C-alpha atoms as a PDB file:
ATOM      1  CA  UNK A   1       8.609 -74.156  13.506  1.00  0.00           C
ATOM      2  CA  UNK A   2       8.694 -70.753  11.717  1.00  0.00           C
ATOM      3  CA  UNK A   3       8.340 -67.753  13.576  1.00  0.00           C
ATOM      4  CA  UNK A   4       8.024 -63.996  12.524  1.00  0.00           C
ATOM      5  CA  UNK A   5       9.756 -61.554  14.644  1.00  0.00           C
ATOM      6  CA  UNK A   6       8.640 -57.899  14.609  1.00  0.00           C
ATOM      7  CA  UNK A   7      11.121 -55.602  16.247  1.00  0.00           C
ATOM      8  CA  UNK A   8      11.981 -52.795  13.683  1.00  0.00           C
ATOM      9  CA  UNK A   9      14.072 -50.181  15.982  1.00  0.00           C
ATOM     10  CA  UNK A  10      16.048 -48.537  17.066  1.00  0.00           C
ATOM     11  CA  UNK A  11      19.454 -49.883  16.704  1.00  0.00           C
ATOM     12  CA  UNK A  12      20.127 -50.862  20.463  1.00  0.00           C
ATOM     13  CA  UNK A  13      16.557 -52.502  20.924  1.00  0.00           C
ATOM     14  CA  UNK A  14      17.238 -54.578  17.750  1.00  0.00           C
ATOM     15  CA  UNK A  15      20.553 -55.659  19.183  1.00  0.00           C
ATOM     16  CA  UNK A  16      18.750 -56.544  22.602  1.00  0.00           C
ATOM     17  CA  UNK A  17      16.712 -59.135  20.799  1.00  0.00           C
ATOM     18  CA  UNK A  18      19.149 -61.253  19.621  1.00  0.00           C
ATOM     19  CA  UNK A  19      19.842 -63.375  22.716  1.00  0.00           C
ATOM     20  CA  UNK A  20      16.314 -64.491  22.657  1.00  0.00           C
ATOM     21  CA  UNK A  21      16.990 -66.226  19.191  1.00  0.00           C
ATOM     22  CA  UNK A  22      19.823 -67.808  20.817  1.00  0.00           C
ATOM     23  CA  UNK A  23      17.892 -69.428  23.701  1.00  0.00           C
ATOM     24  CA  UNK A  24      15.181 -70.425  21.463  1.00  0.00           C
ATOM     25  CA  UNK A  25      17.439 -72.335  18.938  1.00  0.00           C
ATOM     26  CA  UNK A  26      19.056 -73.995  22.252  1.00  0.00           C
ATOM     27  CA  UNK A  27      15.469 -75.157  23.153  1.00  0.00           C
ATOM     28  CA  UNK A  28      13.726 -75.846  19.669  1.00  0.00           C
ATOM     29  CA  UNK A  29      16.264 -77.411  17.154  1.00  0.00           C
ATOM     30  CA  UNK A  30      13.987 -76.858  14.197  1.00  0.00           C
ATOM     31  CA  UNK A  31      13.076 -73.303  14.872  1.00  0.00           C
ATOM     32  CA  UNK A  32      14.050 -70.583  12.415  1.00  0.00           C
ATOM     33  CA  UNK A  33      12.921 -66.909  12.101  1.00  0.00           C
ATOM     34  CA  UNK A  34      11.948 -64.234   9.536  1.00  0.00           C
ATOM     35  CA  UNK A  35      12.227 -60.634  11.093  1.00  0.00           C
ATOM     36  CA  UNK A  36      10.695 -57.354  10.254  1.00  0.00           C
ATOM     37  CA  UNK A  37      13.076 -54.547  11.148  1.00  0.00           C
ATOM     38  CA  UNK A  38      13.544 -51.108   9.782  1.00  0.00           C
ATOM     39  CA  UNK A  39      15.786 -50.848   6.709  1.00  0.00           C
ATOM     40  CA  UNK A  40      18.580 -49.043   8.338  1.00  0.00           C
ATOM     41  CA  UNK A  41      19.197 -51.697  10.996  1.00  0.00           C
ATOM     42  CA  UNK A  42      18.448 -54.726   8.636  1.00  0.00           C
ATOM     43  CA  UNK A  43      22.175 -56.114   8.592  1.00  0.00           C
ATOM     44  CA  UNK A  44      21.872 -56.795  12.468  1.00  0.00           C
ATOM     45  CA  UNK A  45      19.354 -59.819  12.028  1.00  0.00           C
ATOM     46  CA  UNK A  46      21.096 -61.399   9.352  1.00  0.00           C
ATOM     47  CA  UNK A  47      24.423 -61.732  11.586  1.00  0.00           C
ATOM     48  CA  UNK A  48      22.297 -64.653  13.616  1.00  0.00           C
ATOM     49  CA  UNK A  49      22.282 -67.826  12.239  1.00  0.00           C
ATOM     50  CA  UNK A  50      18.936 -68.863  13.213  1.00  0.00           C
ATOM     51  CA  UNK A  51      17.314 -66.010  11.090  1.00  0.00           C
ATOM     52  CA  UNK A  52      16.378 -67.207   7.729  1.00  0.00           C
ATOM     53  CA  UNK A  53      14.746 -63.800   5.821  1.00  0.00           C
ATOM     54  CA  UNK A  54      15.149 -60.104   6.818  1.00  0.00           C
ATOM     55  CA  UNK A  55      11.944 -58.219   5.970  1.00  0.00           C
ATOM     56  CA  UNK A  56      13.187 -54.691   5.794  1.00  0.00           C
ATOM     57  CA  UNK A  57      10.423 -51.811   6.453  1.00  0.00           C
ATOM     58  CA  UNK A  58      10.657 -48.441   6.029  1.00  0.00           C
ATOM     59  CA  UNK A  59       8.191 -46.839   8.134  1.00  0.00           C
ATOM     60  CA  UNK A  60      10.419 -44.000   8.954  1.00  0.00           C
ATOM     61  CA  UNK A  61      10.893 -43.109   5.364  1.00  0.00           C
ATOM     62  CA  UNK A  62       7.382 -43.865   4.456  1.00  0.00           C
ATOM     63  CA  UNK A  63       5.482 -41.595   6.764  1.00  0.00           C
ATOM     64  CA  UNK A  64       7.332 -38.543   5.481  1.00  0.00           C
ATOM     65  CA  UNK A  65       6.171 -38.855   2.086  1.00  0.00           C
ATOM     66  CA  UNK A  66       3.301 -41.425   2.191  1.00  0.00           C
ATOM     67  CA  UNK A  67       1.586 -40.512  -0.958  1.00  0.00           C
ATOM     68  CA  UNK A  68       4.498 -40.566  -3.402  1.00  0.00           C
ATOM     69  CA  UNK A  69       4.127 -43.482  -5.890  1.00  0.00           C
ATOM     70  CA  UNK A  70       7.496 -45.144  -4.759  1.00  0.00           C
ATOM     71  CA  UNK A  71       6.557 -45.462  -1.223  1.00  0.00           C
ATOM     72  CA  UNK A  72       3.099 -46.693  -1.934  1.00  0.00           C
ATOM     73  CA  UNK A  73       4.602 -49.372  -4.410  1.00  0.00           C
ATOM     74  CA  UNK A  74       7.009 -50.348  -1.651  1.00  0.00           C
ATOM     75  CA  UNK A  75       4.206 -50.587   1.160  1.00  0.00           C
ATOM     76  CA  UNK A  76       2.300 -52.721  -1.356  1.00  0.00           C
ATOM     77  CA  UNK A  77       5.171 -55.068  -1.817  1.00  0.00           C
ATOM     78  CA  UNK A  78       6.074 -55.241   1.770  1.00  0.00           C
ATOM     79  CA  UNK A  79       2.440 -56.188   2.792  1.00  0.00           C
ATOM     80  CA  UNK A  80       2.035 -58.534  -0.134  1.00  0.00           C
ATOM     81  CA  UNK A  81       5.300 -60.455   1.084  1.00  0.00           C
ATOM     82  CA  UNK A  82       4.085 -60.619   5.018  1.00  0.00           C
ATOM     83  CA  UNK A  83       0.425 -61.540   3.899  1.00  0.00           C
ATOM     84  CA  UNK A  84       1.827 -64.314   1.612  1.00  0.00           C
ATOM     85  CA  UNK A  85       3.559 -66.306   4.209  1.00  0.00           C
ATOM     86  CA  UNK A  86       2.526 -68.631   6.989  1.00  0.00           C
ATOM     87  CA  UNK A  87       3.992 -68.793  10.213  1.00  0.00           C
ATOM     88  CA  UNK A  88       3.573 -70.898  13.536  1.00  0.00           C
ATOM     89  CA  UNK A  89       3.956 -67.813  15.677  1.00  0.00           C
ATOM     90  CA  UNK A  90       4.262 -64.070  15.047  1.00  0.00           C
ATOM     91  CA  UNK A  91       5.995 -62.187  18.019  1.00  0.00           C
ATOM     92  CA  UNK A  92       5.939 -58.643  18.602  1.00  0.00           C
ATOM     93  CA  UNK A  93       9.037 -57.939  20.789  1.00  0.00           C
ATOM     94  CA  UNK A  94       8.770 -54.077  20.527  1.00  0.00           C
ATOM     95  CA  UNK A  95       5.316 -53.584  22.180  1.00  0.00           C
ATOM     96  CA  UNK A  96       4.228 -50.257  20.356  1.00  0.00           C
ATOM     97  CA  UNK A  97       1.535 -49.464  17.852  1.00  0.00           C
ATOM     98  CA  UNK A  98       3.541 -49.504  15.154  1.00  0.00           C
ATOM     99  CA  UNK A  99       4.876 -52.952  15.849  1.00  0.00           C
ATOM    100  CA  UNK A 100       1.268 -54.308  16.864  1.00  0.00           C
ATOM    101  CA  UNK A 101      -0.045 -53.117  13.476  1.00  0.00           C
ATOM    102  CA  UNK A 102       2.778 -54.753  11.527  1.00  0.00           C
ATOM    103  CA  UNK A 103       2.247 -58.112  13.609  1.00  0.00           C
ATOM    104  CA  UNK A 104      -1.761 -57.910  12.706  1.00  0.00           C
ATOM    105  CA  UNK A 105      -0.722 -58.141   8.878  1.00  0.00           C
ATOM    106  CA  UNK A 106       0.940 -61.530   9.151  1.00  0.00           C
ATOM    107  CA  UNK A 107      -0.844 -65.086   9.134  1.00  0.00           C
ATOM    108  CA  UNK A 108      -0.071 -66.693  12.681  1.00  0.00           C
ATOM    109  CA  UNK A 109      -0.702 -66.546  16.158  1.00  0.00           C
ATOM    110  CA  UNK A 110       0.383 -63.453  17.512  1.00  0.00           C
ATOM    111  CA  UNK A 111       2.100 -63.063  20.588  1.00  0.00           C
ATOM    112  CA  UNK A 112       3.357 -59.662  22.958  1.00  0.00           C
ATOM    113  CA  UNK A 113       3.470 -57.922  26.033  1.00  0.00           C
ATOM    114  CA  UNK A 114       0.109 -57.765  28.217  1.00  0.00           C
ATOM    115  CA  UNK A 115      -1.381 -54.305  29.129  1.00  0.00           C
ATOM    116  CA  UNK A 116       1.062 -53.981  32.199  1.00  0.00           C
ATOM    117  CA  UNK A 117       4.015 -55.044  30.409  1.00  0.00           C
ATOM    118  CA  UNK A 118       4.000 -53.164  26.900  1.00  0.00           C
ATOM    119  CA  UNK A 119       5.264 -49.738  26.356  1.00  0.00           C
ATOM    120  CA  UNK A 120       2.106 -48.938  25.010  1.00  0.00           C
ATOM    121  CA  UNK A 121      -0.079 -51.027  26.950  1.00  0.00           C
ATOM    122  CA  UNK A 122      -3.326 -51.151  24.778  1.00  0.00           C
ATOM    123  CA  UNK A 123      -1.661 -52.724  22.135  1.00  0.00           C
ATOM    124  CA  UNK A 124      -1.838 -56.021  24.221  1.00  0.00           C
ATOM    125  CA  UNK A 125      -5.535 -56.230  23.002  1.00  0.00           C
ATOM    126  CA  UNK A 126      -4.272 -56.940  19.167  1.00  0.00           C
ATOM    127  CA  UNK A 127      -2.556 -59.995  20.187  1.00  0.00           C
ATOM    128  CA  UNK A 128      -3.908 -63.620  20.312  1.00  0.00           C
ATOM    129  CA  UNK A 129      -1.769 -64.246  23.225  1.00  0.00           C
ATOM    130  CA  UNK A 130      -0.282 -61.440  25.706  1.00  0.00           C
ATOM    131  CA  UNK A 131       2.201 -62.395  28.396  1.00  0.00           C
ATOM    132  CA  UNK A 132       2.813 -60.896  31.738  1.00  0.00           C
ATOM    133  CA  UNK A 133       6.823 -59.556  31.603  1.00  0.00           C
ATOM    134  CA  UNK A 134       8.091 -57.299  34.395  1.00  0.00           C
ATOM    135  CA  UNK A 135       8.966 -54.149  33.413  1.00  0.00           C
ATOM    136  CA  UNK A 136      11.465 -54.025  36.017  1.00  0.00           C
ATOM    137  CA  UNK A 137      13.899 -56.461  34.301  1.00  0.00           C
ATOM    138  CA  UNK A 138      16.451 -55.337  31.595  1.00  0.00           C
ATOM    139  CA  UNK A 139      15.013 -55.006  28.143  1.00  0.00           C
ATOM    140  CA  UNK A 140      17.390 -58.043  26.823  1.00  0.00           C
ATOM    141  CA  UNK A 141      15.934 -60.496  29.903  1.00  0.00           C
ATOM    142  CA  UNK A 142      12.251 -58.994  28.972  1.00  0.00           C
ATOM    143  CA  UNK A 143      12.659 -60.209  25.220  1.00  0.00           C
ATOM    144  CA  UNK A 144      14.253 -63.484  26.334  1.00  0.00           C
ATOM    145  CA  UNK A 145      11.452 -64.188  28.620  1.00  0.00           C
ATOM    146  CA  UNK A 146       8.746 -63.370  26.198  1.00  0.00           C
ATOM    147  CA  UNK A 147      10.233 -65.568  23.739  1.00  0.00           C
ATOM    148  CA  UNK A 148      10.504 -68.395  26.377  1.00  0.00           C
ATOM    149  CA  UNK A 149       6.887 -67.901  27.275  1.00  0.00           C
ATOM    150  CA  UNK A 150       5.444 -67.734  23.474  1.00  0.00           C
ATOM    151  CA  UNK A 151       7.714 -70.931  22.333  1.00  0.00           C
ATOM    152  CA  UNK A 152       7.198 -72.517  25.503  1.00  0.00           C
ATOM    153  CA  UNK A 153      10.602 -73.644  27.071  1.00  0.00           C
ATOM    154  CA  UNK A 154      12.521 -72.818  30.363  1.00  0.00           C
ATOM    155  CA  UNK A 155      13.371 -69.159  30.751  1.00  0.00           C
ATOM    156  CA  UNK A 156      17.373 -69.467  30.542  1.00  0.00           C
ATOM    157  CA  UNK A 157      19.244 -67.967  33.582  1.00  0.00           C
ATOM    158  CA  UNK A 158      22.998 -67.437  31.770  1.00  0.00           C
ATOM    159  CA  UNK A 159      24.647 -64.453  30.577  1.00  0.00           C
ATOM    160  CA  UNK A 160      23.006 -63.559  27.307  1.00  0.00           C
ATOM    161  CA  UNK A 161      24.470 -65.057  24.082  1.00  0.00           C
ATOM    162  CA  UNK A 162      24.128 -62.718  21.195  1.00  0.00           C
ATOM    163  CA  UNK A 163      24.904 -65.642  18.686  1.00  0.00           C
ATOM    164  CA  UNK A 164      26.040 -63.298  15.759  1.00  0.00           C
ATOM    165  CA  UNK A 165      28.790 -63.713  13.446  1.00  0.00           C
ATOM    166  CA  UNK A 166      30.233 -61.272  10.754  1.00  0.00           C
ATOM    167  CA  UNK A 167      32.810 -63.310   9.763  1.00  0.00           C
ATOM    168  CA  UNK A 168      36.912 -63.585  10.563  1.00  0.00           C
ATOM    169  CA  UNK A 169      38.403 -60.779  11.531  1.00  0.00           C
ATOM    170  CA  UNK A 170      41.898 -59.910  11.975  1.00  0.00           C
ATOM    171  CA  UNK A 171      42.590 -58.179  15.455  1.00  0.00           C
ATOM    172  CA  UNK A 172      44.772 -55.438  16.183  1.00  0.00           C
ATOM    173  CA  UNK A 173      45.593 -55.757  19.641  1.00  0.00           C
ATOM    174  CA  UNK A 174      46.714 -51.432  19.452  1.00  0.00           C
ATOM    175  CA  UNK A 175      43.748 -50.557  18.041  1.00  0.00           C
ATOM    176  CA  UNK A 176      40.677 -48.727  19.784  1.00  0.00           C
ATOM    177  CA  UNK A 177      37.223 -47.270  18.758  1.00  0.00           C
ATOM    178  CA  UNK A 178      35.936 -44.370  20.564  1.00  0.00           C
ATOM    179  CA  UNK A 179      32.078 -43.866  19.984  1.00  0.00           C
ATOM    180  CA  UNK A 180      31.213 -40.429  20.771  1.00  0.00           C
ATOM    181  CA  UNK A 181      28.334 -39.807  18.899  1.00  0.00           C
ATOM    182  CA  UNK A 182      24.624 -40.086  20.395  1.00  0.00           C
ATOM    183  CA  UNK A 183      21.389 -38.060  20.572  1.00  0.00           C
ATOM    184  CA  UNK A 184      20.573 -36.280  23.500  1.00  0.00           C
ATOM    185  CA  UNK A 185      22.824 -33.485  24.216  1.00  0.00           C
ATOM    186  CA  UNK A 186      22.766 -34.557  27.723  1.00  0.00           C
ATOM    187  CA  UNK A 187      24.033 -37.866  26.793  1.00  0.00           C
ATOM    188  CA  UNK A 188      27.553 -36.231  25.403  1.00  0.00           C
ATOM    189  CA  UNK A 189      30.771 -36.471  27.121  1.00  0.00           C
ATOM    190  CA  UNK A 190      32.437 -33.360  27.319  1.00  0.00           C
ATOM    191  CA  UNK A 191      34.548 -32.945  24.191  1.00  0.00           C
ATOM    192  CA  UNK A 192      37.623 -31.840  26.316  1.00  0.00           C
ATOM    193  CA  UNK A 193      37.482 -35.473  28.076  1.00  0.00           C
ATOM    194  CA  UNK A 194      37.095 -37.001  24.796  1.00  0.00           C
ATOM    195  CA  UNK A 195      40.381 -35.215  23.811  1.00  0.00           C
ATOM    196  CA  UNK A 196      42.286 -36.240  26.956  1.00  0.00           C
ATOM    197  CA  UNK A 197      41.058 -39.782  26.540  1.00  0.00           C
ATOM    198  CA  UNK A 198      42.646 -39.727  22.972  1.00  0.00           C
ATOM    199  CA  UNK A 199      45.849 -38.543  24.304  1.00  0.00           C
ATOM    200  CA  UNK A 200      46.027 -41.116  27.102  1.00  0.00           C
ATOM    201  CA  UNK A 201      45.261 -43.708  24.316  1.00  0.00           C
ATOM    202  CA  UNK A 202      47.642 -42.657  21.649  1.00  0.00           C
ATOM    203  CA  UNK A 203      50.623 -41.891  24.446  1.00  0.00           C
ATOM    204  CA  UNK A 204      50.355 -45.814  25.079  1.00  0.00           C
ATOM    205  CA  UNK A 205      50.916 -46.696  21.311  1.00  0.00           C
ATOM    206  CA  UNK A 206      46.996 -47.218  20.283  1.00  0.00           C
ATOM    207  CA  UNK A 207      45.712 -46.169  17.330  1.00  0.00           C
ATOM    208  CA  UNK A 208      42.157 -44.692  17.739  1.00  0.00           C
ATOM    209  CA  UNK A 209      39.366 -44.906  15.316  1.00  0.00           C
ATOM    210  CA  UNK A 210      36.367 -42.343  15.541  1.00  0.00           C
ATOM    211  CA  UNK A 211      33.366 -43.308  13.458  1.00  0.00           C
ATOM    212  CA  UNK A 212      30.523 -40.927  12.783  1.00  0.00           C
ATOM    213  CA  UNK A 213      26.834 -40.961  11.539  1.00  0.00           C
ATOM    214  CA  UNK A 214      26.204 -37.406  10.369  1.00  0.00           C
ATOM    215  CA  UNK A 215      27.919 -33.847   9.558  1.00  0.00           C
ATOM    216  CA  UNK A 216      27.931 -32.761  13.175  1.00  0.00           C
ATOM    217  CA  UNK A 217      29.698 -36.076  14.487  1.00  0.00           C
ATOM    218  CA  UNK A 218      32.215 -35.911  11.436  1.00  0.00           C
ATOM    219  CA  UNK A 219      32.889 -32.542  12.678  1.00  0.00           C
ATOM    220  CA  UNK A 220      33.702 -33.448  16.240  1.00  0.00           C
ATOM    221  CA  UNK A 221      35.753 -36.566  15.106  1.00  0.00           C
ATOM    222  CA  UNK A 222      37.922 -34.140  12.865  1.00  0.00           C
ATOM    223  CA  UNK A 223      38.489 -31.547  15.837  1.00  0.00           C
ATOM    224  CA  UNK A 224      39.596 -34.398  17.877  1.00  0.00           C
ATOM    225  CA  UNK A 225      41.817 -36.133  15.316  1.00  0.00           C
ATOM    226  CA  UNK A 226      43.595 -32.717  14.734  1.00  0.00           C
ATOM    227  CA  UNK A 227      47.340 -33.009  15.166  1.00  0.00           C
ATOM    228  CA  UNK A 228      47.390 -36.530  16.460  1.00  0.00           C
ATOM    229  CA  UNK A 229      49.047 -38.819  14.235  1.00  0.00           C
ATOM    230  CA  UNK A 230      47.427 -41.983  15.833  1.00  0.00           C
ATOM    231  CA  UNK A 231      43.847 -40.731  15.850  1.00  0.00           C
ATOM    232  CA  UNK A 232      41.671 -41.755  12.746  1.00  0.00           C
ATOM    233  CA  UNK A 233      38.334 -39.939  11.598  1.00  0.00           C
ATOM    234  CA  UNK A 234      36.778 -43.186  10.069  1.00  0.00           C
ATOM    235  CA  UNK A 235      35.424 -43.179   6.620  1.00  0.00           C
ATOM    236  CA  UNK A 236      31.865 -43.118   6.180  1.00  0.00           C
ATOM    237  CA  UNK A 237      30.674 -47.005   7.135  1.00  0.00           C
ATOM    238  CA  UNK A 238      27.391 -48.915   7.175  1.00  0.00           C
ATOM    239  CA  UNK A 239      26.556 -51.028  10.043  1.00  0.00           C
ATOM    240  CA  UNK A 240      28.684 -53.848   8.494  1.00  0.00           C
ATOM    241  CA  UNK A 241      31.587 -51.836   8.312  1.00  0.00           C
ATOM    242  CA  UNK A 242      31.282 -50.397  11.996  1.00  0.00           C
ATOM    243  CA  UNK A 243      30.902 -53.766  13.203  1.00  0.00           C
ATOM    244  CA  UNK A 244      33.692 -55.103  11.509  1.00  0.00           C
ATOM    245  CA  UNK A 245      36.073 -52.089  12.787  1.00  0.00           C
ATOM    246  CA  UNK A 246      34.846 -53.231  16.333  1.00  0.00           C
ATOM    247  CA  UNK A 247      35.482 -56.723  15.951  1.00  0.00           C
ATOM    248  CA  UNK A 248      39.039 -56.001  14.802  1.00  0.00           C
ATOM    249  CA  UNK A 249      39.794 -53.764  17.802  1.00  0.00           C
ATOM    250  CA  UNK A 250      41.127 -54.145  21.267  1.00  0.00           C
ATOM    251  CA  UNK A 251      38.543 -52.168  23.106  1.00  0.00           C
ATOM    252  CA  UNK A 252      36.129 -49.120  23.049  1.00  0.00           C
ATOM    253  CA  UNK A 253      34.585 -46.290  24.671  1.00  0.00           C
ATOM    254  CA  UNK A 254      30.997 -45.033  24.166  1.00  0.00           C
ATOM    255  CA  UNK A 255      28.416 -43.004  25.483  1.00  0.00           C
ATOM    256  CA  UNK A 256      24.856 -44.178  25.877  1.00  0.00           C
ATOM    257  CA  UNK A 257      24.624 -45.017  22.035  1.00  0.00           C
ATOM    258  CA  UNK A 258      23.427 -47.957  20.048  1.00  0.00           C
ATOM    259  CA  UNK A 259      26.677 -48.646  18.642  1.00  0.00           C
ATOM    260  CA  UNK A 260      28.007 -49.393  22.314  1.00  0.00           C
ATOM    261  CA  UNK A 261      25.088 -52.290  22.312  1.00  0.00           C
ATOM    262  CA  UNK A 262      26.908 -53.413  18.992  1.00  0.00           C
ATOM    263  CA  UNK A 263      30.192 -53.350  20.807  1.00  0.00           C
ATOM    264  CA  UNK A 264      28.874 -55.536  23.783  1.00  0.00           C
ATOM    265  CA  UNK A 265      27.220 -58.009  21.530  1.00  0.00           C
ATOM    266  CA  UNK A 266      30.708 -58.746  19.844  1.00  0.00           C
ATOM    267  CA  UNK A 267      32.257 -59.254  23.313  1.00  0.00           C
ATOM    268  CA  UNK A 268      34.606 -56.233  22.495  1.00  0.00           C
ATOM    269  CA  UNK A 269      35.971 -55.032  25.997  1.00  0.00           C
ATOM    270  CA  UNK A 270      34.280 -51.547  26.195  1.00  0.00           C
ATOM    271  CA  UNK A 271      33.069 -48.965  28.710  1.00  0.00           C
ATOM    272  CA  UNK A 272      30.048 -47.211  28.494  1.00  0.00           C
ATOM    273  CA  UNK A 273      29.489 -43.931  30.159  1.00  0.00           C
ATOM    274  CA  UNK A 274      25.873 -42.820  31.546  1.00  0.00           C
ATOM    275  CA  UNK A 275      25.023 -39.421  32.815  1.00  0.00           C
ATOM    276  CA  UNK A 276      21.586 -38.228  32.348  1.00  0.00           C
ATOM    277  CA  UNK A 277      20.476 -41.784  31.668  1.00  0.00           C
ATOM    278  CA  UNK A 278      20.516 -45.140  33.773  1.00  0.00           C
ATOM    279  CA  UNK A 279      21.917 -48.364  32.412  1.00  0.00           C
ATOM    280  CA  UNK A 280      19.715 -50.520  35.028  1.00  0.00           C
ATOM    281  CA  UNK A 281      16.902 -51.146  32.337  1.00  0.00           C
ATOM    282  CA  UNK A 282      18.473 -50.495  28.884  1.00  0.00           C
ATOM    283  CA  UNK A 283      22.443 -50.285  29.491  1.00  0.00           C
ATOM    284  CA  UNK A 284      24.834 -52.467  27.844  1.00  0.00           C
ATOM    285  CA  UNK A 285      25.250 -56.171  28.680  1.00  0.00           C
ATOM    286  CA  UNK A 286      27.601 -58.810  28.145  1.00  0.00           C
ATOM    287  CA  UNK A 287      31.201 -60.102  28.382  1.00  0.00           C
ATOM    288  CA  UNK A 288      34.032 -57.423  29.216  1.00  0.00           C
ATOM    289  CA  UNK A 289      31.473 -54.848  29.588  1.00  0.00           C
ATOM    290  CA  UNK A 290      31.487 -51.881  31.866  1.00  0.00           C
ATOM    291  CA  UNK A 291      28.570 -49.359  32.824  1.00  0.00           C
ATOM    292  CA  UNK A 292      30.141 -46.259  34.695  1.00  0.00           C
ATOM    293  CA  UNK A 293      27.572 -44.012  36.044  1.00  0.00           C
ATOM    294  CA  UNK A 294      28.070 -40.463  37.247  1.00  0.00           C
ATOM    295  CA  UNK A 295      27.478 -39.734  40.853  1.00  0.00           C
ATOM    296  CA  UNK A 296      25.928 -36.540  40.894  1.00  0.00           C
ATOM    297  CA  UNK A 297      22.785 -34.654  42.869  1.00  0.00           C
ATOM    298  CA  UNK A 298      20.549 -34.659  39.925  1.00  0.00           C
ATOM    299  CA  UNK A 299      21.671 -37.901  37.862  1.00  0.00           C
ATOM    300  CA  UNK A 300      19.928 -39.575  36.413  1.00  0.00           C
ATOM    301  CA  UNK A 301      17.915 -36.813  35.205  1.00  0.00           C
ATOM    302  CA  UNK A 302      16.170 -38.436  32.234  1.00  0.00           C
ATOM    303  CA  UNK A 303      16.218 -35.122  30.377  1.00  0.00           C
ATOM    304  CA  UNK A 304      17.468 -34.208  27.046  1.00  0.00           C
ATOM    305  CA  UNK A 305      19.068 -31.188  27.776  1.00  0.00           C
ATOM    306  CA  UNK A 306      21.073 -30.484  30.838  1.00  0.00           C
ATOM    307  CA  UNK A 307      19.233 -27.802  33.129  1.00  0.00           C
ATOM    308  CA  UNK A 308      21.883 -27.694  35.782  1.00  0.00           C
ATOM    309  CA  UNK A 309      22.233 -24.165  36.824  1.00  0.00           C
ATOM    310  CA  UNK A 310      24.997 -23.761  39.098  1.00  0.00           C
ATOM    311  CA  UNK A 311      28.630 -22.876  37.849  1.00  0.00           C
ATOM    312  CA  UNK A 312      30.485 -25.917  36.352  1.00  0.00           C
ATOM    313  CA  UNK A 313      33.566 -25.939  34.145  1.00  0.00           C
ATOM    314  CA  UNK A 314      32.442 -29.073  32.654  1.00  0.00           C
ATOM    315  CA  UNK A 315      29.109 -29.387  30.775  1.00  0.00           C
ATOM    316  CA  UNK A 316      26.992 -31.388  31.275  1.00  0.00           C
ATOM    317  CA  UNK A 317      28.052 -30.773  34.989  1.00  0.00           C
ATOM    318  CA  UNK A 318      27.467 -34.680  36.237  1.00  0.00           C
ATOM    319  CA  UNK A 319      30.304 -35.539  33.900  1.00  0.00           C
ATOM    320  CA  UNK A 320      32.851 -34.016  36.280  1.00  0.00           C
ATOM    321  CA  UNK A 321      32.473 -37.622  38.424  1.00  0.00           C
ATOM    322  CA  UNK A 322      33.644 -39.210  35.466  1.00  0.00           C
ATOM    323  CA  UNK A 323      37.068 -37.957  34.217  1.00  0.00           C
ATOM    324  CA  UNK A 324      39.170 -39.584  31.638  1.00  0.00           C
ATOM    325  CA  UNK A 325      41.855 -40.789  33.772  1.00  0.00           C
ATOM    326  CA  UNK A 326      38.990 -43.249  35.665  1.00  0.00           C
ATOM    327  CA  UNK A 327      37.527 -44.392  32.227  1.00  0.00           C
ATOM    328  CA  UNK A 328      40.867 -45.085  30.789  1.00  0.00           C
ATOM    329  CA  UNK A 329      42.056 -47.132  33.858  1.00  0.00           C
ATOM    330  CA  UNK A 330      38.697 -49.226  33.513  1.00  0.00           C
ATOM    331  CA  UNK A 331      39.363 -49.724  29.717  1.00  0.00           C
ATOM    332  CA  UNK A 332      42.508 -51.103  30.489  1.00  0.00           C
ATOM    333  CA  UNK A 333      41.337 -53.278  33.116  1.00  0.00           C
ATOM    334  CA  UNK A 334      38.881 -54.855  30.553  1.00  0.00           C
ATOM    335  CA  UNK A 335      41.452 -55.487  27.536  1.00  0.00           C
ATOM    336  CA  UNK A 336      43.868 -57.041  30.129  1.00  0.00           C
ATOM    337  CA  UNK A 337      41.309 -59.370  31.625  1.00  0.00           C
ATOM    338  CA  UNK A 338      40.340 -60.433  28.290  1.00  0.00           C
ATOM    339  CA  UNK A 339      43.738 -60.970  27.077  1.00  0.00           C
ATOM    340  CA  UNK A 340      44.335 -63.303  30.193  1.00  0.00           C
ATOM    341  CA  UNK A 341      41.283 -65.704  29.101  1.00  0.00           C
ATOM    342  CA  UNK A 342      43.100 -66.086  25.754  1.00  0.00           C
END
């Protein structure tokens, strides 16, 4: 059975879809998948053994210059590749207009979320078969259920298995990764807290790597690593490089960021910190994971910027309820628990 998945972005959302492939392969031995995904995240599907072809799409880049010769040519090549393949099923695992549009280009019975289940409800009208999936479930479980219904097998009830392999990694029991970069300003843990976390980790003999994705994150990493011999600003890395770094480490600390989901997929002991957002529907899931939420009067506010007006020494103010000592204690607990299992 040949199935096309349309799940283009973002990093965390793409990672969330991986356990559904593991479920499907366990239920249907001959199932294989092609996957349409944004070019920036094209490494992720390739890590799963059930994926035969990764089909990159560049909607984010193409729409910036839709009439350029290069972009028009790449769009034509993408359409030709999709339209000239035959699939038994096409599953839109995203539920947006952009993903439904891509789904309709492919040949095969299309499946997706129904009107009440999809993020953009009217897209359900474009599918051959639409499935009702509760929006009160975690994103991973929603995709797992969608695949189970589309491919007609019982919905598994075990912990998600991401099923990925990035090759053998030599683990370093005294290496940590701090994933300090994220999007919304309100998701950022205070820089002074990261500095204290670095002190706690390096005083305990850990070497800490600080990956970065843009100039702002690089500058923060350089400030944090300044005058600390065991702190390392990572070189520029693609997703394969970051995955290898995580896989070879003993643990990680993350804010609400897609790379936190990658750490979870690798079963790396990791503490994820949530202030303005709530992990209930989209937080990290997997072995050796902890989601620490702030306990504050206006949290989770779900606002990009903190608008708390009372005087506070910590900004955003809600993070004063998640100090470094608490996070460090939880990370040590997770690392020790995994070591005992070994």
